[in-house]
Structures are given as structure tokens and as C-alpha cells.
PDB file of N, CA and C in Angstrom:
ATOM      1  N   UNK A   1       7.605   1.918  28.267  1.00  0.00           N
ATOM      2  CA  UNK A   1       8.653   1.792  27.140  1.00  0.00           C
ATOM      3  C   UNK A   1       8.107   2.480  25.737  1.00  0.00           C
ATOM      4  N   UNK A   2       8.800   3.389  25.362  1.00  0.00           N
ATOM      5  CA  UNK A   2       8.462   4.196  24.348  1.00  0.00           C
ATOM      6  C   UNK A   2       8.672   3.277  22.999  1.00  0.00           C
ATOM      7  N   UNK A   3       7.946   3.733  21.918  1.00  0.00           N
ATOM      8  CA  UNK A   3       8.042   3.194  20.583  1.00  0.00           C
ATOM      9  C   UNK A   3       9.061   3.812  19.771  1.00  0.00           C
ATOM     10  N   UNK A   4       9.927   2.911  19.129  1.00  0.00           N
ATOM     11  CA  UNK A   4      10.991   3.668  18.502  1.00  0.00           C
ATOM     12  C   UNK A   4      10.289   4.235  17.090  1.00  0.00           C
ATOM     13  N   UNK A   5      10.713   5.437  16.797  1.00  0.00           N
ATOM     14  CA  UNK A   5      10.221   6.289  15.707  1.00  0.00           C
ATOM     15  C   UNK A   5      10.873   5.697  14.306  1.00  0.00           C
ATOM     16  N   UNK A   6      10.101   5.160  13.532  1.00  0.00           N
ATOM     17  CA  UNK A   6      10.604   4.832  12.168  1.00  0.00           C
ATOM     18  C   UNK A   6      10.501   5.713  11.394  1.00  0.00           C
ATOM     19  N   UNK A   7      11.661   6.170  10.548  1.00  0.00           N
ATOM     20  CA  UNK A   7      11.556   6.948   9.574  1.00  0.00           C
ATOM     21  C   UNK A   7      10.512   6.732   8.362  1.00  0.00           C
ATOM     22  N   UNK A   8      10.167   7.804   7.848  1.00  0.00           N
ATOM     23  CA  UNK A   8       9.024   7.628   6.981  1.00  0.00           C
ATOM     24  C   UNK A   8       9.491   8.289   5.528  1.00  0.00           C
ATOM     25  N   UNK A   9       9.500   7.662   4.521  1.00  0.00           N
ATOM     26  CA  UNK A   9       9.622   8.189   3.062  1.00  0.00           C
ATOM     27  C   UNK A   9       8.426   8.547   2.551  1.00  0.00           C
ATOM     28  N   UNK A  10       8.197  10.082   2.162  1.00  0.00           N
ATOM     29  CA  UNK A  10       7.068  10.545   1.701  1.00  0.00           C
ATOM     30  C   UNK A  10       7.140  10.498   0.092  1.00  0.00           C
ATOM     31  N   UNK A  11       5.978  10.774  -0.526  1.00  0.00           N
ATOM     32  CA  UNK A  11       5.760  10.808  -2.009  1.00  0.00           C
ATOM     33  C   UNK A  11       7.040  11.704  -2.752  1.00  0.00           C
ATOM     34  N   UNK A  12       7.290  12.954  -2.065  1.00  0.00           N
ATOM     35  CA  UNK A  12       8.288  13.580  -2.530  1.00  0.00           C
ATOM     36  C   UNK A  12       9.700  13.124  -2.442  1.00  0.00           C
ATOM     37  N   UNK A  13       9.857  12.404  -1.372  1.00  0.00           N
ATOM     38  CA  UNK A  13      11.308  11.600  -1.078  1.00  0.00           C
ATOM     39  C   UNK A  13      11.279  10.500  -2.319  1.00  0.00           C
ATOM     40  N   UNK A  14      10.288   9.779  -2.496  1.00  0.00           N
ATOM     41  CA  UNK A  14      10.211   8.687  -3.544  1.00  0.00           C
ATOM     42  C   UNK A  14      10.591   9.349  -4.890  1.00  0.00           C
ATOM     43  N   UNK A  15       9.825  10.475  -5.212  1.00  0.00           N
ATOM     44  CA  UNK A  15      10.169  11.085  -6.561  1.00  0.00           C
ATOM     45  C   UNK A  15      11.566  11.492  -6.641  1.00  0.00           C
ATOM     46  N   UNK A  16      12.276  11.801  -5.613  1.00  0.00           N
ATOM     47  CA  UNK A  16      13.664  12.215  -5.655  1.00  0.00           C
ATOM     48  C   UNK A  16      14.530  11.099  -5.991  1.00  0.00           C
ATOM     49  N   UNK A  17      14.217   9.906  -5.300  1.00  0.00           N
ATOM     50  CA  UNK A  17      15.013   8.651  -5.413  1.00  0.00           C
ATOM     51  C   UNK A  17      14.812   8.190  -6.703  1.00  0.00           C
ATOM     52  N   UNK A  18      13.517   8.372  -7.289  1.00  0.00           N
ATOM     53  CA  UNK A  18      13.201   7.922  -8.681  1.00  0.00           C
ATOM     54  C   UNK A  18      14.010   8.604  -9.697  1.00  0.00           C
ATOM     55  N   UNK A  19      13.956  10.085  -9.562  1.00  0.00           N
ATOM     56  CA  UNK A  19      14.751  10.856 -10.377  1.00  0.00           C
ATOM     57  C   UNK A  19      16.145  10.624 -10.299  1.00  0.00           C
ATOM     58  N   UNK A  20      16.669  10.253  -9.157  1.00  0.00           N
ATOM     59  CA  UNK A  20      18.351   9.930  -9.139  1.00  0.00           C
ATOM     60  C   UNK A  20      18.802   8.822  -9.572  1.00  0.00           C
ATOM     61  N   UNK A  21      17.966   7.586  -9.517  1.00  0.00           N
ATOM     62  CA  UNK A  21      18.156   6.284  -9.968  1.00  0.00           C
ATOM     63  C   UNK A  21      17.811   6.024 -11.579  1.00  0.00           C
ATOM     64  N   UNK A  22      16.701   6.826 -11.862  1.00  0.00           N
ATOM     65  CA  UNK A  22      16.531   6.768 -13.464  1.00  0.00           C
ATOM     66  C   UNK A  22      17.111   7.731 -14.262  1.00  0.00           C
ATOM     67  N   UNK A  23      17.584   8.805 -13.748  1.00  0.00           N
ATOM     68  CA  UNK A  23      18.250  10.006 -14.512  1.00  0.00           C
ATOM     69  C   UNK A  23      17.329  10.666 -15.242  1.00  0.00           C
ATOM     70  N   UNK A  24      15.834  10.558 -14.708  1.00  0.00           N
ATOM     71  CA  UNK A  24      14.908  11.371 -15.053  1.00  0.00           C
ATOM     72  C   UNK A  24      14.778  12.662 -14.448  1.00  0.00           C
ATOM     73  N   UNK A  25      14.064  13.570 -14.920  1.00  0.00           N
ATOM     74  CA  UNK A  25      13.928  14.867 -14.161  1.00  0.00           C
ATOM     75  C   UNK A  25      12.853  14.501 -13.090  1.00  0.00           C
ATOM     76  N   UNK A  26      12.749  15.346 -12.081  1.00  0.00           N
ATOM     77  CA  UNK A  26      12.014  15.230 -10.922  1.00  0.00           C
ATOM     78  C   UNK A  26      10.608  15.241 -11.301  1.00  0.00           C
ATOM     79  N   UNK A  27      10.181  16.331 -12.511  1.00  0.00           N
ATOM     80  CA  UNK A  27       8.974  16.466 -12.996  1.00  0.00           C
ATOM     81  C   UNK A  27       8.488  15.147 -13.766  1.00  0.00           C
ATOM     82  N   UNK A  28       9.219  14.497 -14.513  1.00  0.00           N
ATOM     83  CA  UNK A  28       9.055  13.361 -15.112  1.00  0.00           C
ATOM     84  C   UNK A  28       9.019  12.033 -14.189  1.00  0.00           C
ATOM     85  N   UNK A  29       9.735  12.231 -13.090  1.00  0.00           N
ATOM     86  CA  UNK A  29       9.736  11.092 -12.195  1.00  0.00           C
ATOM     87  C   UNK A  29       8.352  11.092 -11.293  1.00  0.00           C
ATOM     88  N   UNK A  30       7.894  12.452 -11.063  1.00  0.00           N
ATOM     89  CA  UNK A  30       6.495  12.506 -10.449  1.00  0.00           C
ATOM     90  C   UNK A  30       5.547  12.040 -11.364  1.00  0.00           C
ATOM     91  N   UNK A  31       5.545  12.390 -12.552  1.00  0.00           N
ATOM     92  CA  UNK A  31       4.462  12.037 -13.624  1.00  0.00           C
ATOM     93  C   UNK A  31       4.470  10.366 -13.874  1.00  0.00           C
ATOM     94  N   UNK A  32       5.730   9.669 -13.734  1.00  0.00           N
ATOM     95  CA  UNK A  32       5.868   8.147 -13.770  1.00  0.00           C
ATOM     96  C   UNK A  32       5.322   7.625 -12.613  1.00  0.00           C
ATOM     97  N   UNK A  33       5.569   8.035 -11.438  1.00  0.00           N
ATOM     98  CA  UNK A  33       5.048   7.443 -10.050  1.00  0.00           C
ATOM     99  C   UNK A  33       3.457   7.870 -10.026  1.00  0.00           C
ATOM    100  N   UNK A  34       3.014   8.931 -10.359  1.00  0.00           N
ATOM    101  CA  UNK A  34       1.540   9.187 -10.358  1.00  0.00           C
ATOM    102  C   UNK A  34       0.951   8.149 -11.456  1.00  0.00           C
ATOM    103  N   UNK A  35       1.398   8.112 -12.604  1.00  0.00           N
ATOM    104  CA  UNK A  35       0.763   7.082 -13.579  1.00  0.00           C
ATOM    105  C   UNK A  35       0.904   5.789 -13.033  1.00  0.00           C
ATOM    106  N   UNK A  36       1.862   5.187 -12.367  1.00  0.00           N
ATOM    107  CA  UNK A  36       1.846   3.934 -11.781  1.00  0.00           C
ATOM    108  C   UNK A  36       0.812   3.781 -10.705  1.00  0.00           C
ATOM    109  N   UNK A  37       0.831   4.602  -9.862  1.00  0.00           N
ATOM    110  CA  UNK A  37      -0.241   4.541  -8.716  1.00  0.00           C
ATOM    111  C   UNK A  37      -1.661   4.649  -9.193  1.00  0.00           C
ATOM    112  N   UNK A  38      -1.852   5.451 -10.362  1.00  0.00           N
ATOM    113  CA  UNK A  38      -3.249   5.456 -10.645  1.00  0.00           C
ATOM    114  C   UNK A  38      -3.452   4.166 -11.369  1.00  0.00           C
ATOM    115  N   UNK A  39      -2.653   3.601 -12.222  1.00  0.00           N
ATOM    116  CA  UNK A  39      -2.680   2.328 -12.960  1.00  0.00           C
ATOM    117  C   UNK A  39      -3.126   1.345 -12.003  1.00  0.00           C
ATOM    118  N   UNK A  40      -2.516   1.154 -10.797  1.00  0.00           N
ATOM    119  CA  UNK A  40      -2.729   0.299  -9.705  1.00  0.00           C
ATOM    120  C   UNK A  40      -4.176   0.301  -9.042  1.00  0.00           C
ATOM    121  N   UNK A  41      -4.446   1.540  -8.873  1.00  0.00           N
ATOM    122  CA  UNK A  41      -5.784   1.852  -8.352  1.00  0.00           C
ATOM    123  C   UNK A  41      -6.874   1.725  -9.247  1.00  0.00           C
ATOM    124  N   UNK A  42      -6.666   1.982 -10.416  1.00  0.00           N
ATOM    125  CA  UNK A  42      -7.683   1.757 -11.606  1.00  0.00           C
ATOM    126  C   UNK A  42      -8.001   0.120 -11.494  1.00  0.00           C
ATOM    127  N   UNK A  43      -6.906  -0.614 -11.775  1.00  0.00           N
ATOM    128  CA  UNK A  43      -7.012  -1.993 -11.793  1.00  0.00           C
ATOM    129  C   UNK A  43      -7.787  -2.637 -10.435  1.00  0.00           C
ATOM    130  N   UNK A  44      -7.485  -2.127  -9.329  1.00  0.00           N
ATOM    131  CA  UNK A  44      -8.103  -2.486  -8.020  1.00  0.00           C
ATOM    132  C   UNK A  44      -9.533  -2.209  -7.972  1.00  0.00           C
ATOM    133  N   UNK A  45      -9.890  -1.037  -8.573  1.00  0.00           N
ATOM    134  CA  UNK A  45     -11.442  -0.643  -8.645  1.00  0.00           C
ATOM    135  C   UNK A  45     -12.076  -1.512  -9.502  1.00  0.00           C
ATOM    136  N   UNK A  46     -11.549  -2.001 -10.666  1.00  0.00           N
ATOM    137  CA  UNK A  46     -12.197  -2.927 -11.569  1.00  0.00           C
ATOM    138  C   UNK A  46     -12.213  -4.398 -11.040  1.00  0.00           C
ATOM    139  N   UNK A  47     -11.775  -4.657  -9.862  1.00  0.00           N
ATOM    140  CA  UNK A  47     -11.601  -5.821  -9.140  1.00  0.00           C
ATOM    141  C   UNK A  47     -10.455  -6.660  -9.735  1.00  0.00           C
ATOM    142  N   UNK A  48      -9.492  -6.224 -10.449  1.00  0.00           N
ATOM    143  CA  UNK A  48      -8.296  -6.817 -10.910  1.00  0.00           C
ATOM    144  C   UNK A  48      -7.040  -7.049  -9.805  1.00  0.00           C
ATOM    145  N   UNK A  49      -6.286  -7.973  -9.895  1.00  0.00           N
ATOM    146  CA  UNK A  49      -5.087  -8.212  -9.068  1.00  0.00           C
ATOM    147  C   UNK A  49      -3.789  -7.330 -10.141  1.00  0.00           C
ATOM    148  N   UNK A  50      -3.047  -6.830  -9.128  1.00  0.00           N
ATOM    149  CA  UNK A  50      -1.774  -6.232  -9.831  1.00  0.00           C
ATOM    150  C   UNK A  50      -0.659  -7.201  -9.134  1.00  0.00           C
ATOM    151  N   UNK A  51       0.069  -7.837 -10.109  1.00  0.00           N
ATOM    152  CA  UNK A  51       1.097  -8.686  -9.607  1.00  0.00           C
ATOM    153  C   UNK A  51       2.426  -8.128 -10.321  1.00  0.00           C
ATOM    154  N   UNK A  52       3.451  -7.773  -9.545  1.00  0.00           N
ATOM    155  CA  UNK A  52       4.676  -7.316  -9.835  1.00  0.00           C
ATOM    156  C   UNK A  52       5.749  -8.225  -9.367  1.00  0.00           C
ATOM    157  N   UNK A  53       6.069  -9.209 -10.332  1.00  0.00           N
ATOM    158  CA  UNK A  53       6.975 -10.215  -9.977  1.00  0.00           C
ATOM    159  C   UNK A  53       8.241  -9.756  -9.310  1.00  0.00           C
ATOM    160  N   UNK A  54       8.578 -10.342  -8.198  1.00  0.00           N
ATOM    161  CA  UNK A  54       9.651  -9.961  -7.171  1.00  0.00           C
ATOM    162  C   UNK A  54       9.356  -8.825  -6.409  1.00  0.00           C
ATOM    163  N   UNK A  55       8.208  -8.071  -6.393  1.00  0.00           N
ATOM    164  CA  UNK A  55       7.797  -6.990  -5.605  1.00  0.00           C
ATOM    165  C   UNK A  55       6.737  -7.523  -4.727  1.00  0.00           C
ATOM    166  N   UNK A  56       5.614  -7.756  -5.165  1.00  0.00           N
ATOM    167  CA  UNK A  56       4.364  -8.084  -4.589  1.00  0.00           C
ATOM    168  C   UNK A  56       3.201  -8.094  -5.364  1.00  0.00           C
ATOM    169  N   UNK A  57       1.919  -8.389  -4.532  1.00  0.00           N
ATOM    170  CA  UNK A  57       0.684  -8.366  -5.147  1.00  0.00           C
ATOM    171  C   UNK A  57      -0.387  -7.601  -4.591  1.00  0.00           C
ATOM    172  N   UNK A  58      -0.820  -6.596  -5.403  1.00  0.00           N
ATOM    173  CA  UNK A  58      -1.983  -5.755  -4.692  1.00  0.00           C
ATOM    174  C   UNK A  58      -3.348  -6.527  -5.214  1.00  0.00           C
ATOM    175  N   UNK A  59      -4.389  -6.552  -4.317  1.00  0.00           N
ATOM    176  CA  UNK A  59      -5.626  -7.008  -4.561  1.00  0.00           C
ATOM    177  C   UNK A  59      -6.642  -6.498  -3.669  1.00  0.00           C
ATOM    178  N   UNK A  60      -8.036  -6.620  -3.973  1.00  0.00           N
ATOM    179  CA  UNK A  60      -9.022  -6.278  -3.348  1.00  0.00           C
ATOM    180  C   UNK A  60      -9.491  -7.221  -2.332  1.00  0.00           C
ATOM    181  N   UNK A  61      -9.746  -7.289  -1.002  1.00  0.00           N
ATOM    182  CA  UNK A  61     -10.179  -8.543  -0.244  1.00  0.00           C
ATOM    183  C   UNK A  61     -11.558  -8.087   0.344  1.00  0.00           C
ATOM    184  N   UNK A  62     -12.545  -8.998   0.337  1.00  0.00           N
ATOM    185  CA  UNK A  62     -13.859  -8.652   0.854  1.00  0.00           C
ATOM    186  C   UNK A  62     -13.771  -8.875   2.493  1.00  0.00           C
ATOM    187  N   UNK A  63     -14.343  -7.822   3.127  1.00  0.00           N
ATOM    188  CA  UNK A  63     -14.335  -8.004   4.572  1.00  0.00           C
ATOM    189  C   UNK A  63     -15.940  -8.327   4.892  1.00  0.00           C
ATOM    190  N   UNK A  64     -16.125  -9.233   5.759  1.00  0.00           N
ATOM    191  CA  UNK A  64     -17.482  -9.685   6.103  1.00  0.00           C
ATOM    192  C   UNK A  64     -17.967  -8.691   7.029  1.00  0.00           C
ATOM    193  N   UNK A  65     -19.436  -8.746   7.119  1.00  0.00           N
ATOM    194  CA  UNK A  65     -20.173  -8.115   8.122  1.00  0.00           C
ATOM    195  C   UNK A  65     -19.687  -8.650   9.517  1.00  0.00           C
ATOM    196  N   UNK A  66     -19.485  -7.664  10.547  1.00  0.00           N
ATOM    197  CA  UNK A  66     -19.304  -8.123  12.032  1.00  0.00           C
ATOM    198  C   UNK A  66     -19.742  -7.182  12.879  1.00  0.00           C
ATOM    199  N   UNK A  67     -19.776  -7.811  14.065  1.00  0.00           N
ATOM    200  CA  UNK A  67     -20.226  -7.073  15.272  1.00  0.00           C
ATOM    201  C   UNK A  67     -19.121  -6.334  15.956  1.00  0.00           C
ATOM    202  N   UNK A  68     -19.398  -4.932  16.407  1.00  0.00           N
ATOM    203  CA  UNK A  68     -18.270  -4.276  16.868  1.00  0.00           C
ATOM    204  C   UNK A  68     -18.696  -3.584  18.135  1.00  0.00           C
ATOM    205  N   UNK A  69     -17.743  -3.398  19.025  1.00  0.00           N
ATOM    206  CA  UNK A  69     -18.319  -2.748  20.429  1.00  0.00           C
ATOM    207  C   UNK A  69     -17.606  -1.381  20.448  1.00  0.00           C
ATOM    208  N   UNK A  70     -18.316  -0.339  20.621  1.00  0.00           N
ATOM    209  CA  UNK A  70     -18.062   1.195  20.948  1.00  0.00           C
ATOM    210  C   UNK A  70     -17.357   0.994  22.398  1.00  0.00           C
ATOM    211  N   UNK A  71     -16.008   1.269  22.459  1.00  0.00           N
ATOM    212  CA  UNK A  71     -15.164   1.284  23.796  1.00  0.00           C
ATOM    213  C   UNK A  71     -15.760   2.167  24.921  1.00  0.00           C
ATOM    214  N   UNK A  72     -16.258   3.398  24.290  1.00  0.00           N
ATOM    215  CA  UNK A  72     -16.778   4.353  25.286  1.00  0.00           C
ATOM    216  C   UNK A  72     -18.112   4.001  25.818  1.00  0.00           C
ATOM    217  N   UNK A  73     -18.991   3.560  25.114  1.00  0.00           N
ATOM    218  CA  UNK A  73     -20.199   3.322  25.491  1.00  0.00           C
ATOM    219  C   UNK A  73     -20.712   1.856  25.598  1.00  0.00           C
ATOM    220  N   UNK A  74     -19.827   0.802  25.250  1.00  0.00           N
ATOM    221  CA  UNK A  74     -19.931  -0.597  25.224  1.00  0.00           C
ATOM    222  C   UNK A  74     -21.016  -1.066  24.468  1.00  0.00           C
ATOM    223  N   UNK A  75     -21.664  -0.031  23.620  1.00  0.00           N
ATOM    224  CA  UNK A  75     -22.795  -0.573  22.755  1.00  0.00           C
ATOM    225  C   UNK A  75     -22.206  -1.264  21.471  1.00  0.00           C
ATOM    226  N   UNK A  76     -23.142  -2.349  21.163  1.00  0.00           N
ATOM    227  CA  UNK A  76     -22.957  -3.278  20.121  1.00  0.00           C
ATOM    228  C   UNK A  76     -23.395  -2.668  18.824  1.00  0.00           C
ATOM    229  N   UNK A  77     -22.559  -2.800  17.633  1.00  0.00           N
ATOM    230  CA  UNK A  77     -23.193  -2.168  16.504  1.00  0.00           C
ATOM    231  C   UNK A  77     -22.651  -3.119  15.373  1.00  0.00           C
ATOM    232  N   UNK A  78     -23.140  -3.075  14.077  1.00  0.00           N
ATOM    233  CA  UNK A  78     -22.887  -3.906  13.136  1.00  0.00           C
ATOM    234  C   UNK A  78     -21.795  -3.083  12.038  1.00  0.00           C
ATOM    235  N   UNK A  79     -20.785  -3.509  11.751  1.00  0.00           N
ATOM    236  CA  UNK A  79     -19.929  -2.838  10.988  1.00  0.00           C
ATOM    237  C   UNK A  79     -20.275  -3.780   9.640  1.00  0.00           C
ATOM    238  N   UNK A  80     -20.678  -2.944   8.521  1.00  0.00           N
ATOM    239  CA  UNK A  80     -21.140  -3.432   7.284  1.00  0.00           C
ATOM    240  C   UNK A  80     -19.956  -4.127   6.410  1.00  0.00           C
ATOM    241  N   UNK A  81     -20.105  -5.141   5.653  1.00  0.00           N
ATOM    242  CA  UNK A  81     -19.271  -5.876   4.833  1.00  0.00           C
ATOM    243  C   UNK A  81     -18.651  -4.697   3.846  1.00  0.00           C
ATOM    244  N   UNK A  82     -17.432  -4.767   3.601  1.00  0.00           N
ATOM    245  CA  UNK A  82     -16.799  -3.786   2.649  1.00  0.00           C
ATOM    246  C   UNK A  82     -15.450  -4.420   1.958  1.00  0.00           C
ATOM    247  N   UNK A  83     -15.099  -3.581   0.802  1.00  0.00           N
ATOM    248  CA  UNK A  83     -13.987  -4.227   0.356  1.00  0.00           C
ATOM    249  C   UNK A  83     -12.725  -3.400   0.659  1.00  0.00           C
ATOM    250  N   UNK A  84     -11.685  -4.044   0.846  1.00  0.00           N
ATOM    251  CA  UNK A  84     -10.430  -3.281   1.103  1.00  0.00           C
ATOM    252  C   UNK A  84      -9.191  -3.780   0.369  1.00  0.00           C
ATOM    253  N   UNK A  85      -8.321  -2.884   0.092  1.00  0.00           N
ATOM    254  CA  UNK A  85      -7.186  -3.064  -0.579  1.00  0.00           C
ATOM    255  C   UNK A  85      -6.272  -3.587   0.089  1.00  0.00           C
ATOM    256  N   UNK A  86      -5.352  -4.602  -0.444  1.00  0.00           N
ATOM    257  CA  UNK A  86      -4.333  -5.416   0.289  1.00  0.00           C
ATOM    258  C   UNK A  86      -3.265  -5.668  -0.433  1.00  0.00           C
ATOM    259  N   UNK A  87      -1.924  -5.941   0.166  1.00  0.00           N
ATOM    260  CA  UNK A  87      -0.634  -5.910  -0.511  1.00  0.00           C
ATOM    261  C   UNK A  87      -0.133  -7.317   0.238  1.00  0.00           C
ATOM    262  N   UNK A  88       0.398  -8.097  -0.506  1.00  0.00           N
ATOM    263  CA  UNK A  88       1.025  -9.204  -0.107  1.00  0.00           C
ATOM    264  C   UNK A  88       2.480  -9.118  -0.879  1.00  0.00           C
ATOM    265  N   UNK A  89       3.528  -9.019   0.083  1.00  0.00           N
ATOM    266  CA  UNK A  89       4.954  -8.935  -0.500  1.00  0.00           C
ATOM    267  C   UNK A  89       5.530 -10.126  -1.113  1.00  0.00           C
ATOM    268  N   UNK A  90       6.334  -9.902  -2.306  1.00  0.00           N
ATOM    269  CA  UNK A  90       6.805 -11.231  -2.912  1.00  0.00           C
ATOM    270  C   UNK A  90       7.952 -11.452  -2.204  1.00  0.00           C
ATOM    271  N   UNK A  91       8.539 -12.822  -2.634  1.00  0.00           N
ATOM    272  CA  UNK A  91       9.703 -13.427  -1.963  1.00  0.00           C
ATOM    273  C   UNK A  91      11.008 -12.719  -1.943  1.00  0.00           C
ATOM    274  N   UNK A  92      11.243 -12.031  -3.361  1.00  0.00           N
ATOM    275  CA  UNK A  92      12.480 -11.078  -3.356  1.00  0.00           C
ATOM    276  C   UNK A  92      12.271  -9.945  -2.384  1.00  0.00           C
ATOM    277  N   UNK A  93      10.977  -9.372  -2.124  1.00  0.00           N
ATOM    278  CA  UNK A  93      10.992  -8.195  -1.264  1.00  0.00           C
ATOM    279  C   UNK A  93      11.065  -8.735   0.058  1.00  0.00           C
ATOM    280  N   UNK A  94      10.630  -9.623   0.502  1.00  0.00           N
ATOM    281  CA  UNK A  94      10.767 -10.318   1.760  1.00  0.00           C
ATOM    282  C   UNK A  94      12.177 -10.536   2.221  1.00  0.00           C
ATOM    283  N   UNK A  95      12.892 -11.231   1.324  1.00  0.00           N
ATOM    284  CA  UNK A  95      14.382 -11.563   1.444  1.00  0.00           C
ATOM    285  C   UNK A  95      15.045 -10.325   1.690  1.00  0.00           C
ATOM    286  N   UNK A  96      14.788  -9.229   0.751  1.00  0.00           N
ATOM    287  CA  UNK A  96      15.716  -7.851   0.999  1.00  0.00           C
ATOM    288  C   UNK A  96      15.260  -7.339   2.126  1.00  0.00           C
ATOM    289  N   UNK A  97      14.275  -7.320   2.624  1.00  0.00           N
ATOM    290  CA  UNK A  97      13.897  -6.615   4.066  1.00  0.00           C
ATOM    291  C   UNK A  97      14.485  -7.422   5.278  1.00  0.00           C
ATOM    292  N   UNK A  98      14.487  -8.712   4.991  1.00  0.00           N
ATOM    293  CA  UNK A  98      14.779  -9.536   6.199  1.00  0.00           C
ATOM    294  C   UNK A  98      16.297  -9.910   6.055  1.00  0.00           C
ATOM    295  N   UNK A  99      17.356  -8.985   5.754  1.00  0.00           N
ATOM    296  CA  UNK A  99      18.732  -9.211   5.786  1.00  0.00           C
ATOM    297  C   UNK A  99      19.123  -9.305   7.165  1.00  0.00           C
ATOM    298  N   UNK A 100      19.863 -10.113   7.429  1.00  0.00           N
ATOM    299  CA  UNK A 100      20.327 -10.259   8.875  1.00  0.00           C
ATOM    300  C   UNK A 100      21.891 -10.137   8.823  1.00  0.00           C
TER     301      UNK A 100
END
């Protein structure tokens, strides 16, 4: 059973959509998108949550140290604790995606 190929929107595609919807130039749209992504990244690095009402919340979650098994050698090793970015979709986004 083959997996269905899901279309992917690239950063360039997103810049084009932003330019079209906002009537900004592509250059200004790319600057705005880069600034927004940079601001979100900087906040996460500081340990802050970024909540965009109606869209979702970006946050950093702590992953515990755990034992993992190398599938080729069956050797057990320890995966160290780490921090990982996470996104939780807001109700409006969930409802928009789950249109029946």
C-alpha cells in the first residue's frame, strides 16, 4: 500500500501567498516572514512560550533521558535529556483543518 504524497508549501510559496494576500511586495513579505520566524525562535531560545490566539502555541518541552536500542547492533545506549520545540494547534486552526 503506497503512501499518498502530500503537497508541500515551501518558504518561497508562503512568501508568494503573503505578498498576494497583504498586497506587499515579495521582498517585503519575505522580510516580514523572516522577522516573525526569528522572533518566535528567539522567544523559544529564551524559554518563553509564543501564543497566537486562534492559531496555536509554540513552546519548548523538556525530553527526559531514555534508553534506546540501535536496531542494527541491538546495543542499548542512553539518549541524553534535551529540549525540543513543540507546537500545539489552537481551536480555530483545528476547526479550519477538520472541515467535513
